[in-house]
Amino acid sequence: MRMPRLRLRVIIPLLGLCLFYFLGIGQPAIAATNPAELTQRDIQTIAELREKAFATSRAGQYDAAEDYWTQLLEFLPEEAAIWSNRGIVRVSQNELAGAIDDYTHAIELAPEAVDAYLNRGAAYEVSRDWDAAIADYNHALALDPNEAGAYNNRGNAEAGQGNWDAAIADYRKATTLANEFALARVNYALALYQVGETTEAVRSLRAIVRKYPNFADARAALTAALWTTGKQGEAESHWVAVSGLDTRYRDLHWVRSVRRWPPAVADALEQFLTLEG
């Protein structure tokens, strides 16, 4: 049966570029187990564990969250969403093999559910297994051709392969399907800068910053792009905002390896930081 499409979208800090999806676990999940096997106390325990699992996941308390999801699996071992959600918190702790196993189990239980393919694909991205990631995103798109997250994430994997034309096409498709998808819009602009489309990249980043002034990633990218095009004053003004929003952009290793900016943009930011410092 197709999994519910309602879900909380979560960007795991470890990945930067990739989207993960926490799946809702409401009362219908209990129906996945024989109701005769559940006492009223069991049902109450499941409800309490569910609340704690989501709360600790959202709060970044991943050790505790993994424990709560594991306890839920003891009650509901056939519920694909729980396996997928435990996979998410495992990725956040860099337990990649365990996370991929969890997503694979979720897929076996619900092979028509898009989200587990998206989540496993993102885990493969962390492992730099670009081909496996793209295969999962292709499968997700075969199930739902309008899934903007799959296009964005497939673009990330293609960028990892250095296939910038394919990445640009996928980022563009993601933004067409979801105009408010700010991360995909930034990824599109970054990829444009990588292939030398500097003017269009700057125009796109300026539009994103106007709409989302507190989006540090867009402002940091705009800083780098403006600096290399001779607009030092404007670049410095954007950097002041970035410094107040997210200090990670001073860490070039994080920018290159975790956020995974394209090399040309990361090099531009390095030039700015060197001179700014």
C-alpha atoms as a PDB file:
ATOM      1  CA  MET A   1       0.000   0.000   0.000  1.00  0.00           C
ATOM      2  CA  ARG A   2       1.311   3.473  -0.848  1.00  0.00           C
ATOM      3  CA  MET A   3       2.761   5.300   2.155  1.00  0.00           C
ATOM      4  CA  PRO A   4       1.137   8.593   3.178  1.00  0.00           C
ATOM      5  CA  ARG A   5       2.553  11.581   1.343  1.00  0.00           C
ATOM      6  CA  LEU A   6       2.300  13.836   4.387  1.00  0.00           C
ATOM      7  CA  ARG A   7       5.690  14.103   6.041  1.00  0.00           C
ATOM      8  CA  LEU A   8       8.050  16.446   7.792  1.00  0.00           C
ATOM      9  CA  ARG A   9      10.938  17.462   5.550  1.00  0.00           C
ATOM     10  CA  VAL A  10      14.215  17.479   7.400  1.00  0.00           C
ATOM     11  CA  ILE A  11      17.650  18.560   6.201  1.00  0.00           C
ATOM     12  CA  ILE A  12      20.252  16.598   8.125  1.00  0.00           C
ATOM     13  CA  PRO A  13      23.235  18.873   8.918  1.00  0.00           C
ATOM     14  CA  LEU A  14      25.743  16.153   8.031  1.00  0.00           C
ATOM     15  CA  LEU A  15      24.737  16.241   4.399  1.00  0.00           C
ATOM     16  CA  GLY A  16      24.045  19.861   3.669  1.00  0.00           C
ATOM     17  CA  LEU A  17      22.800  19.235   0.152  1.00  0.00           C
ATOM     18  CA  CYS A  18      20.544  16.237   0.638  1.00  0.00           C
ATOM     19  CA  LEU A  19      16.952  16.018   1.774  1.00  0.00           C
ATOM     20  CA  PHE A  20      15.683  13.388   4.171  1.00  0.00           C
ATOM     21  CA  TYR A  21      12.086  12.684   5.095  1.00  0.00           C
ATOM     22  CA  PHE A  22      10.700  11.785   8.482  1.00  0.00           C
ATOM     23  CA  LEU A  23       7.506   9.818   7.938  1.00  0.00           C
ATOM     24  CA  GLY A  24       4.430  10.271  10.058  1.00  0.00           C
ATOM     25  CA  ILE A  25       3.423   7.415  12.325  1.00  0.00           C
ATOM     26  CA  GLY A  26      -0.179   7.900  13.395  1.00  0.00           C
ATOM     27  CA  GLN A  27      -2.761   5.500  14.684  1.00  0.00           C
ATOM     28  CA  PRO A  28      -2.951   3.662  11.320  1.00  0.00           C
ATOM     29  CA  ALA A  29       0.544   2.343  12.028  1.00  0.00           C
ATOM     30  CA  ILE A  30      -0.844   0.309  14.909  1.00  0.00           C
ATOM     31  CA  ALA A  31      -3.079  -1.486  12.451  1.00  0.00           C
ATOM     32  CA  ALA A  32       0.052  -2.959  10.853  1.00  0.00           C
ATOM     33  CA  THR A  33       0.207  -5.346  13.837  1.00  0.00           C
ATOM     34  CA  ASN A  34      -2.587  -7.735  14.776  1.00  0.00           C
ATOM     35  CA  PRO A  35      -4.747  -5.595  17.119  1.00  0.00           C
ATOM     36  CA  ALA A  36      -5.385  -8.670  19.257  1.00  0.00           C
ATOM     37  CA  GLU A  37      -1.703  -8.699  20.146  1.00  0.00           C
ATOM     38  CA  LEU A  38      -1.766  -5.144  21.532  1.00  0.00           C
ATOM     39  CA  THR A  39      -3.032  -4.313  24.976  1.00  0.00           C
ATOM     40  CA  GLN A  40      -4.279  -0.878  25.919  1.00  0.00           C
ATOM     41  CA  ARG A  41      -1.013  -0.402  27.748  1.00  0.00           C
ATOM     42  CA  ASP A  42       0.910  -1.296  24.566  1.00  0.00           C
ATOM     43  CA  ILE A  43      -1.046   1.297  22.591  1.00  0.00           C
ATOM     44  CA  GLN A  44      -0.288   3.944  25.211  1.00  0.00           C
ATOM     45  CA  THR A  45       3.394   2.996  25.209  1.00  0.00           C
ATOM     46  CA  ILE A  46       3.532   3.231  21.417  1.00  0.00           C
ATOM     47  CA  ALA A  47       1.997   6.700  21.509  1.00  0.00           C
ATOM     48  CA  GLU A  48       4.509   7.867  24.126  1.00  0.00           C
ATOM     49  CA  LEU A  49       7.463   6.378  22.237  1.00  0.00           C
ATOM     50  CA  ARG A  50       6.272   7.986  19.014  1.00  0.00           C
ATOM     51  CA  GLU A  51       6.171  11.437  20.615  1.00  0.00           C
ATOM     52  CA  LYS A  52       9.610  10.989  22.175  1.00  0.00           C
ATOM     53  CA  ALA A  53      11.098   9.652  18.931  1.00  0.00           C
ATOM     54  CA  PHE A  54       9.943  12.638  16.895  1.00  0.00           C
ATOM     55  CA  ALA A  55      10.841  15.160  19.612  1.00  0.00           C
ATOM     56  CA  THR A  56      14.394  13.873  20.045  1.00  0.00           C
ATOM     57  CA  SER A  57      14.871  13.532  16.271  1.00  0.00           C
ATOM     58  CA  ARG A  58      13.855  17.148  15.716  1.00  0.00           C
ATOM     59  CA  ALA A  59      16.033  18.299  18.620  1.00  0.00           C
ATOM     60  CA  GLY A  60      19.103  16.549  17.234  1.00  0.00           C
ATOM     61  CA  GLN A  61      19.316  14.144  20.190  1.00  0.00           C
ATOM     62  CA  TYR A  62      20.106  11.292  17.848  1.00  0.00           C
ATOM     63  CA  ASP A  63      21.338   8.682  20.357  1.00  0.00           C
ATOM     64  CA  ALA A  64      18.081   8.932  22.278  1.00  0.00           C
ATOM     65  CA  ALA A  65      16.040   9.086  19.076  1.00  0.00           C
ATOM     66  CA  GLU A  66      17.612   5.897  17.738  1.00  0.00           C
ATOM     67  CA  ASP A  67      16.732   4.128  20.981  1.00  0.00           C
ATOM     68  CA  TYR A  68      13.092   5.261  20.804  1.00  0.00           C
ATOM     69  CA  TRP A  69      12.733   4.192  17.150  1.00  0.00           C
ATOM     70  CA  THR A  70      14.272   0.823  18.040  1.00  0.00           C
ATOM     71  CA  GLN A  71      11.777   0.373  20.873  1.00  0.00           C
ATOM     72  CA  LEU A  72       8.944   1.174  18.477  1.00  0.00           C
ATOM     73  CA  LEU A  73      10.187  -1.540  16.134  1.00  0.00           C
ATOM     74  CA  GLU A  74       9.752  -4.056  18.935  1.00  0.00           C
ATOM     75  CA  PHE A  75       6.033  -3.282  18.841  1.00  0.00           C
ATOM     76  CA  LEU A  76       5.665  -2.595  15.090  1.00  0.00           C
ATOM     77  CA  PRO A  77       8.343  -4.522  13.175  1.00  0.00           C
ATOM     78  CA  GLU A  78       6.346  -4.441   9.944  1.00  0.00           C
ATOM     79  CA  GLU A  79       5.951  -0.649   9.883  1.00  0.00           C
ATOM     80  CA  ALA A  80       8.193   0.647   7.087  1.00  0.00           C
ATOM     81  CA  ALA A  81       8.114   4.258   8.291  1.00  0.00           C
ATOM     82  CA  ILE A  82       9.779   3.362  11.570  1.00  0.00           C
ATOM     83  CA  TRP A  83      12.648   1.609   9.802  1.00  0.00           C
ATOM     84  CA  SER A  84      13.086   4.630   7.554  1.00  0.00           C
ATOM     85  CA  ASN A  85      13.021   7.080  10.447  1.00  0.00           C
ATOM     86  CA  ARG A  86      15.606   5.096  12.395  1.00  0.00           C
ATOM     87  CA  GLY A  87      17.739   5.167   9.267  1.00  0.00           C
ATOM     88  CA  ILE A  88      17.607   8.969   9.285  1.00  0.00           C
ATOM     89  CA  VAL A  89      18.949   9.300  12.816  1.00  0.00           C
ATOM     90  CA  ARG A  90      21.596   6.683  12.048  1.00  0.00           C
ATOM     91  CA  VAL A  91      22.816   8.723   9.091  1.00  0.00           C
ATOM     92  CA  SER A  92      23.040  11.760  11.355  1.00  0.00           C
ATOM     93  CA  GLN A  93      25.467   9.745  13.517  1.00  0.00           C
ATOM     94  CA  ASN A  94      27.393   8.572  10.440  1.00  0.00           C
ATOM     95  CA  GLU A  95      26.177   4.991  10.936  1.00  0.00           C
ATOM     96  CA  LEU A  96      25.840   4.631   7.190  1.00  0.00           C
ATOM     97  CA  ALA A  97      25.791   0.849   6.835  1.00  0.00           C
ATOM     98  CA  GLY A  98      23.094   0.516   9.503  1.00  0.00           C
ATOM     99  CA  ALA A  99      21.076   3.325   7.953  1.00  0.00           C
ATOM    100  CA  ILE A 100      21.193   1.762   4.486  1.00  0.00           C
ATOM    101  CA  ASP A 101      20.117  -1.562   5.979  1.00  0.00           C
ATOM    102  CA  ASP A 102      17.152   0.185   7.650  1.00  0.00           C
ATOM    103  CA  TYR A 103      16.101   1.877   4.412  1.00  0.00           C
ATOM    104  CA  THR A 104      16.429  -1.389   2.515  1.00  0.00           C
ATOM    105  CA  HIS A 105      14.174  -3.064   5.079  1.00  0.00           C
ATOM    106  CA  ALA A 106      11.656  -0.224   4.688  1.00  0.00           C
ATOM    107  CA  ILE A 107      11.714  -0.679   0.910  1.00  0.00           C
ATOM    108  CA  GLU A 108      11.126  -4.415   1.253  1.00  0.00           C
ATOM    109  CA  LEU A 109       8.082  -3.721   3.423  1.00  0.00           C
ATOM    110  CA  ALA A 110       6.703  -0.901   1.247  1.00  0.00           C
ATOM    111  CA  PRO A 111       8.260  -1.078  -2.237  1.00  0.00           C
ATOM    112  CA  GLU A 112       5.884   1.533  -3.644  1.00  0.00           C
ATOM    113  CA  ALA A 113       6.842   4.200  -1.060  1.00  0.00           C
ATOM    114  CA  VAL A 114       8.944   7.005  -2.534  1.00  0.00           C
ATOM    115  CA  ASP A 115      10.539   8.304   0.632  1.00  0.00           C
ATOM    116  CA  ALA A 116      12.637   5.295   1.570  1.00  0.00           C
ATOM    117  CA  TYR A 117      14.312   5.415  -1.862  1.00  0.00           C
ATOM    118  CA  LEU A 118      15.025   9.116  -1.370  1.00  0.00           C
ATOM    119  CA  ASN A 119      16.463   8.512   2.077  1.00  0.00           C
ATOM    120  CA  ARG A 120      18.600   5.557   1.011  1.00  0.00           C
ATOM    121  CA  GLY A 121      19.829   7.534  -1.978  1.00  0.00           C
ATOM    122  CA  ALA A 122      20.900  10.372   0.319  1.00  0.00           C
ATOM    123  CA  ALA A 123      22.747   7.885   2.538  1.00  0.00           C
ATOM    124  CA  TYR A 124      24.555   6.554  -0.525  1.00  0.00           C
ATOM    125  CA  GLU A 125      25.532  10.150  -1.293  1.00  0.00           C
ATOM    126  CA  VAL A 126      27.204  10.483   2.098  1.00  0.00           C
ATOM    127  CA  SER A 127      29.125   7.324   1.178  1.00  0.00           C
ATOM    128  CA  ARG A 128      30.050   8.943  -2.181  1.00  0.00           C
ATOM    129  CA  ASP A 129      28.375   6.025  -3.964  1.00  0.00           C
ATOM    130  CA  TRP A 130      26.957   8.241  -6.684  1.00  0.00           C
ATOM    131  CA  ASP A 131      25.720   5.451  -8.969  1.00  0.00           C
ATOM    132  CA  ALA A 132      23.731   3.763  -6.186  1.00  0.00           C
ATOM    133  CA  ALA A 133      22.274   7.133  -5.145  1.00  0.00           C
ATOM    134  CA  ILE A 134      21.196   7.956  -8.690  1.00  0.00           C
ATOM    135  CA  ALA A 135      19.623   4.504  -9.072  1.00  0.00           C
ATOM    136  CA  ASP A 136      17.482   5.127  -5.984  1.00  0.00           C
ATOM    137  CA  TYR A 137      16.465   8.598  -7.172  1.00  0.00           C
ATOM    138  CA  ASN A 138      15.561   7.167 -10.567  1.00  0.00           C
ATOM    139  CA  HIS A 139      13.362   4.601  -8.835  1.00  0.00           C
ATOM    140  CA  ALA A 140      11.713   7.339  -6.763  1.00  0.00           C
ATOM    141  CA  LEU A 141      10.987   9.331  -9.922  1.00  0.00           C
ATOM    142  CA  ALA A 142       9.569   6.269 -11.638  1.00  0.00           C
ATOM    143  CA  LEU A 143       7.095   6.058  -8.749  1.00  0.00           C
ATOM    144  CA  ASP A 144       6.428   9.803  -8.615  1.00  0.00           C
ATOM    145  CA  PRO A 145       7.640  11.884 -11.588  1.00  0.00           C
ATOM    146  CA  ASN A 146       6.689  15.088  -9.759  1.00  0.00           C
ATOM    147  CA  GLU A 147       8.877  14.531  -6.684  1.00  0.00           C
ATOM    148  CA  ALA A 148      10.994  17.697  -6.603  1.00  0.00           C
ATOM    149  CA  GLY A 149      13.236  16.334  -3.839  1.00  0.00           C
ATOM    150  CA  ALA A 150      14.318  13.441  -6.044  1.00  0.00           C
ATOM    151  CA  TYR A 151      15.366  15.823  -8.822  1.00  0.00           C
ATOM    152  CA  ASN A 152      17.320  17.999  -6.382  1.00  0.00           C
ATOM    153  CA  ASN A 153      19.078  15.029  -4.803  1.00  0.00           C
ATOM    154  CA  ARG A 154      19.811  13.394  -8.145  1.00  0.00           C
ATOM    155  CA  GLY A 155      21.362  16.699  -9.181  1.00  0.00           C
ATOM    156  CA  ASN A 156      23.574  16.490  -6.081  1.00  0.00           C
ATOM    157  CA  ALA A 157      24.782  13.018  -7.029  1.00  0.00           C
ATOM    158  CA  GLU A 158      25.397  14.084 -10.629  1.00  0.00           C
ATOM    159  CA  ALA A 159      27.363  17.050  -9.317  1.00  0.00           C
ATOM    160  CA  GLY A 160      29.394  14.595  -7.249  1.00  0.00           C
ATOM    161  CA  GLN A 161      30.261  12.833 -10.516  1.00  0.00           C
ATOM    162  CA  GLY A 162      31.169  16.152 -12.133  1.00  0.00           C
ATOM    163  CA  ASN A 163      28.228  15.861 -14.541  1.00  0.00           C
ATOM    164  CA  TRP A 164      27.235  19.519 -14.257  1.00  0.00           C
ATOM    165  CA  ASP A 165      24.924  19.693 -17.274  1.00  0.00           C
ATOM    166  CA  ALA A 166      22.783  16.869 -15.881  1.00  0.00           C
ATOM    167  CA  ALA A 167      22.848  18.448 -12.421  1.00  0.00           C
ATOM    168  CA  ILE A 168      21.709  21.816 -13.785  1.00  0.00           C
ATOM    169  CA  ALA A 169      18.833  20.173 -15.648  1.00  0.00           C
ATOM    170  CA  ASP A 170      17.700  18.351 -12.506  1.00  0.00           C
ATOM    171  CA  TYR A 171      17.959  21.423 -10.266  1.00  0.00           C
ATOM    172  CA  ARG A 172      15.962  23.399 -12.827  1.00  0.00           C
ATOM    173  CA  LYS A 173      13.292  20.696 -12.904  1.00  0.00           C
ATOM    174  CA  ALA A 174      13.109  20.686  -9.094  1.00  0.00           C
ATOM    175  CA  THR A 175      12.531  24.436  -9.006  1.00  0.00           C
ATOM    176  CA  THR A 176       9.933  24.183 -11.756  1.00  0.00           C
ATOM    177  CA  LEU A 177       7.993  21.603  -9.771  1.00  0.00           C
ATOM    178  CA  ALA A 178       8.393  23.489  -6.479  1.00  0.00           C
ATOM    179  CA  ASN A 179       9.051  27.201  -6.915  1.00  0.00           C
ATOM    180  CA  GLU A 180       9.476  27.678  -3.140  1.00  0.00           C
ATOM    181  CA  PHE A 181      12.186  25.009  -2.991  1.00  0.00           C
ATOM    182  CA  ALA A 182      14.922  27.455  -1.968  1.00  0.00           C
ATOM    183  CA  LEU A 183      17.681  24.870  -1.544  1.00  0.00           C
ATOM    184  CA  ALA A 184      17.204  23.583  -5.092  1.00  0.00           C
ATOM    185  CA  ARG A 185      17.279  27.172  -6.364  1.00  0.00           C
ATOM    186  CA  VAL A 186      20.615  27.773  -4.634  1.00  0.00           C
ATOM    187  CA  ASN A 187      21.999  24.481  -5.951  1.00  0.00           C
ATOM    188  CA  TYR A 188      20.954  25.539  -9.454  1.00  0.00           C
ATOM    189  CA  ALA A 189      22.754  28.877  -9.092  1.00  0.00           C
ATOM    190  CA  LEU A 190      25.885  27.213  -7.705  1.00  0.00           C
ATOM    191  CA  ALA A 191      25.994  24.776 -10.626  1.00  0.00           C
ATOM    192  CA  LEU A 192      25.578  27.654 -13.082  1.00  0.00           C
ATOM    193  CA  TYR A 193      28.560  29.404 -11.518  1.00  0.00           C
ATOM    194  CA  GLN A 194      30.580  26.192 -11.815  1.00  0.00           C
ATOM    195  CA  VAL A 195      30.067  26.065 -15.608  1.00  0.00           C
ATOM    196  CA  GLY A 196      30.884  29.751 -16.091  1.00  0.00           C
ATOM    197  CA  GLU A 197      27.360  31.183 -16.182  1.00  0.00           C
ATOM    198  CA  THR A 198      28.384  33.788 -13.615  1.00  0.00           C
ATOM    199  CA  THR A 199      25.921  36.524 -14.547  1.00  0.00           C
ATOM    200  CA  GLU A 200      22.910  34.220 -14.372  1.00  0.00           C
ATOM    201  CA  ALA A 201      24.207  32.679 -11.140  1.00  0.00           C
ATOM    202  CA  VAL A 202      24.474  36.100  -9.490  1.00  0.00           C
ATOM    203  CA  ARG A 203      21.035  37.113 -10.751  1.00  0.00           C
ATOM    204  CA  SER A 204      19.511  33.921  -9.345  1.00  0.00           C
ATOM    205  CA  LEU A 205      21.258  34.273  -5.983  1.00  0.00           C
ATOM    206  CA  ARG A 206      20.164  37.887  -5.633  1.00  0.00           C
ATOM    207  CA  ALA A 207      16.559  36.853  -6.261  1.00  0.00           C
ATOM    208  CA  ILE A 208      16.794  34.141  -3.595  1.00  0.00           C
ATOM    209  CA  VAL A 209      18.311  36.528  -1.046  1.00  0.00           C
ATOM    210  CA  ARG A 210      15.577  39.090  -1.687  1.00  0.00           C
ATOM    211  CA  LYS A 211      12.942  36.448  -0.997  1.00  0.00           C
ATOM    212  CA  TYR A 212      14.783  34.643   1.812  1.00  0.00           C
ATOM    213  CA  PRO A 213      17.059  37.232   3.466  1.00  0.00           C
ATOM    214  CA  ASN A 214      18.003  34.886   6.312  1.00  0.00           C
ATOM    215  CA  PHE A 215      19.091  32.041   4.036  1.00  0.00           C
ATOM    216  CA  ALA A 216      22.793  31.942   4.913  1.00  0.00           C
ATOM    217  CA  ASP A 217      23.733  29.545   2.116  1.00  0.00           C
ATOM    218  CA  ALA A 218      22.417  31.891  -0.564  1.00  0.00           C
ATOM    219  CA  ARG A 219      24.095  34.930   0.988  1.00  0.00           C
ATOM    220  CA  ALA A 220      27.427  33.120   1.352  1.00  0.00           C
ATOM    221  CA  ALA A 221      27.299  31.978  -2.274  1.00  0.00           C
ATOM    222  CA  LEU A 222      26.386  35.490  -3.393  1.00  0.00           C
ATOM    223  CA  THR A 223      29.325  36.843  -1.392  1.00  0.00           C
ATOM    224  CA  ALA A 224      31.722  34.557  -3.240  1.00  0.00           C
ATOM    225  CA  ALA A 225      30.229  35.266  -6.662  1.00  0.00           C
ATOM    226  CA  LEU A 226      30.164  39.039  -6.186  1.00  0.00           C
ATOM    227  CA  TRP A 227      33.736  39.095  -4.922  1.00  0.00           C
ATOM    228  CA  THR A 228      35.059  37.487  -8.094  1.00  0.00           C
ATOM    229  CA  THR A 229      33.063  39.870 -10.306  1.00  0.00           C
ATOM    230  CA  GLY A 230      34.583  42.976  -8.738  1.00  0.00           C
ATOM    231  CA  LYS A 231      31.690  43.945  -6.461  1.00  0.00           C
ATOM    232  CA  GLN A 232      33.711  43.830  -3.243  1.00  0.00           C
ATOM    233  CA  GLY A 233      31.594  46.266  -1.262  1.00  0.00           C
ATOM    234  CA  GLU A 234      28.368  44.400  -1.936  1.00  0.00           C
ATOM    235  CA  ALA A 235      30.096  41.097  -1.233  1.00  0.00           C
ATOM    236  CA  GLU A 236      31.296  42.325   2.154  1.00  0.00           C
ATOM    237  CA  SER A 237      27.827  43.556   3.104  1.00  0.00           C
ATOM    238  CA  HIS A 238      26.346  40.126   2.419  1.00  0.00           C
ATOM    239  CA  TRP A 239      29.143  38.489   4.392  1.00  0.00           C
ATOM    240  CA  VAL A 240      28.271  40.560   7.456  1.00  0.00           C
ATOM    241  CA  ALA A 241      24.801  38.977   7.303  1.00  0.00           C
ATOM    242  CA  VAL A 242      26.245  35.476   6.803  1.00  0.00           C
ATOM    243  CA  SER A 243      28.488  35.873   9.840  1.00  0.00           C
ATOM    244  CA  GLY A 244      25.459  36.573  11.978  1.00  0.00           C
ATOM    245  CA  LEU A 245      23.443  33.694  10.545  1.00  0.00           C
ATOM    246  CA  ASP A 246      25.814  30.718  10.247  1.00  0.00           C
ATOM    247  CA  THR A 247      29.511  30.645  11.164  1.00  0.00           C
ATOM    248  CA  ARG A 248      30.132  27.353   9.343  1.00  0.00           C
ATOM    249  CA  TYR A 249      30.822  29.182   6.090  1.00  0.00           C
ATOM    250  CA  ARG A 250      34.190  30.263   7.491  1.00  0.00           C
ATOM    251  CA  ASP A 251      35.164  26.580   7.533  1.00  0.00           C
ATOM    252  CA  LEU A 252      36.229  25.776   3.972  1.00  0.00           C
ATOM    253  CA  HIS A 253      36.479  22.067   4.736  1.00  0.00           C
ATOM    254  CA  TRP A 254      32.817  22.082   5.753  1.00  0.00           C
ATOM    255  CA  VAL A 255      31.875  24.074   2.644  1.00  0.00           C
ATOM    256  CA  ARG A 256      33.715  21.688   0.320  1.00  0.00           C
ATOM    257  CA  SER A 257      33.144  18.318   1.982  1.00  0.00           C
ATOM    258  CA  VAL A 258      29.883  18.577   3.907  1.00  0.00           C
ATOM    259  CA  ARG A 259      27.844  21.293   2.193  1.00  0.00           C
ATOM    260  CA  ARG A 260      29.593  20.206  -1.017  1.00  0.00           C
ATOM    261  CA  TRP A 261      29.652  23.457  -2.919  1.00  0.00           C
ATOM    262  CA  PRO A 262      30.987  23.123  -6.481  1.00  0.00           C
ATOM    263  CA  PRO A 263      34.762  23.669  -6.630  1.00  0.00           C
ATOM    264  CA  ALA A 264      34.607  27.002  -8.466  1.00  0.00           C
ATOM    265  CA  VAL A 265      32.304  28.594  -5.893  1.00  0.00           C
ATOM    266  CA  ALA A 266      34.273  27.166  -2.955  1.00  0.00           C
ATOM    267  CA  ASP A 267      37.479  28.533  -4.519  1.00  0.00           C
ATOM    268  CA  ALA A 268      35.835  31.952  -4.869  1.00  0.00           C
ATOM    269  CA  LEU A 269      34.821  31.917  -1.208  1.00  0.00           C
ATOM    270  CA  GLU A 270      38.358  30.925  -0.246  1.00  0.00           C
ATOM    271  CA  GLN A 271      39.713  33.936  -2.164  1.00  0.00           C
ATOM    272  CA  PHE A 272      37.281  36.208  -0.343  1.00  0.00           C
ATOM    273  CA  LEU A 273      38.087  34.761   3.085  1.00  0.00           C
ATOM    274  CA  THR A 274      41.839  34.977   2.453  1.00  0.00           C
ATOM    275  CA  LEU A 275      41.681  38.660   1.577  1.00  0.00           C
ATOM    276  CA  GLU A 276      38.949  39.445   4.085  1.00  0.00           C
ATOM    277  CA  GLY A 277      41.040  37.834   6.816  1.00  0.00           C
END
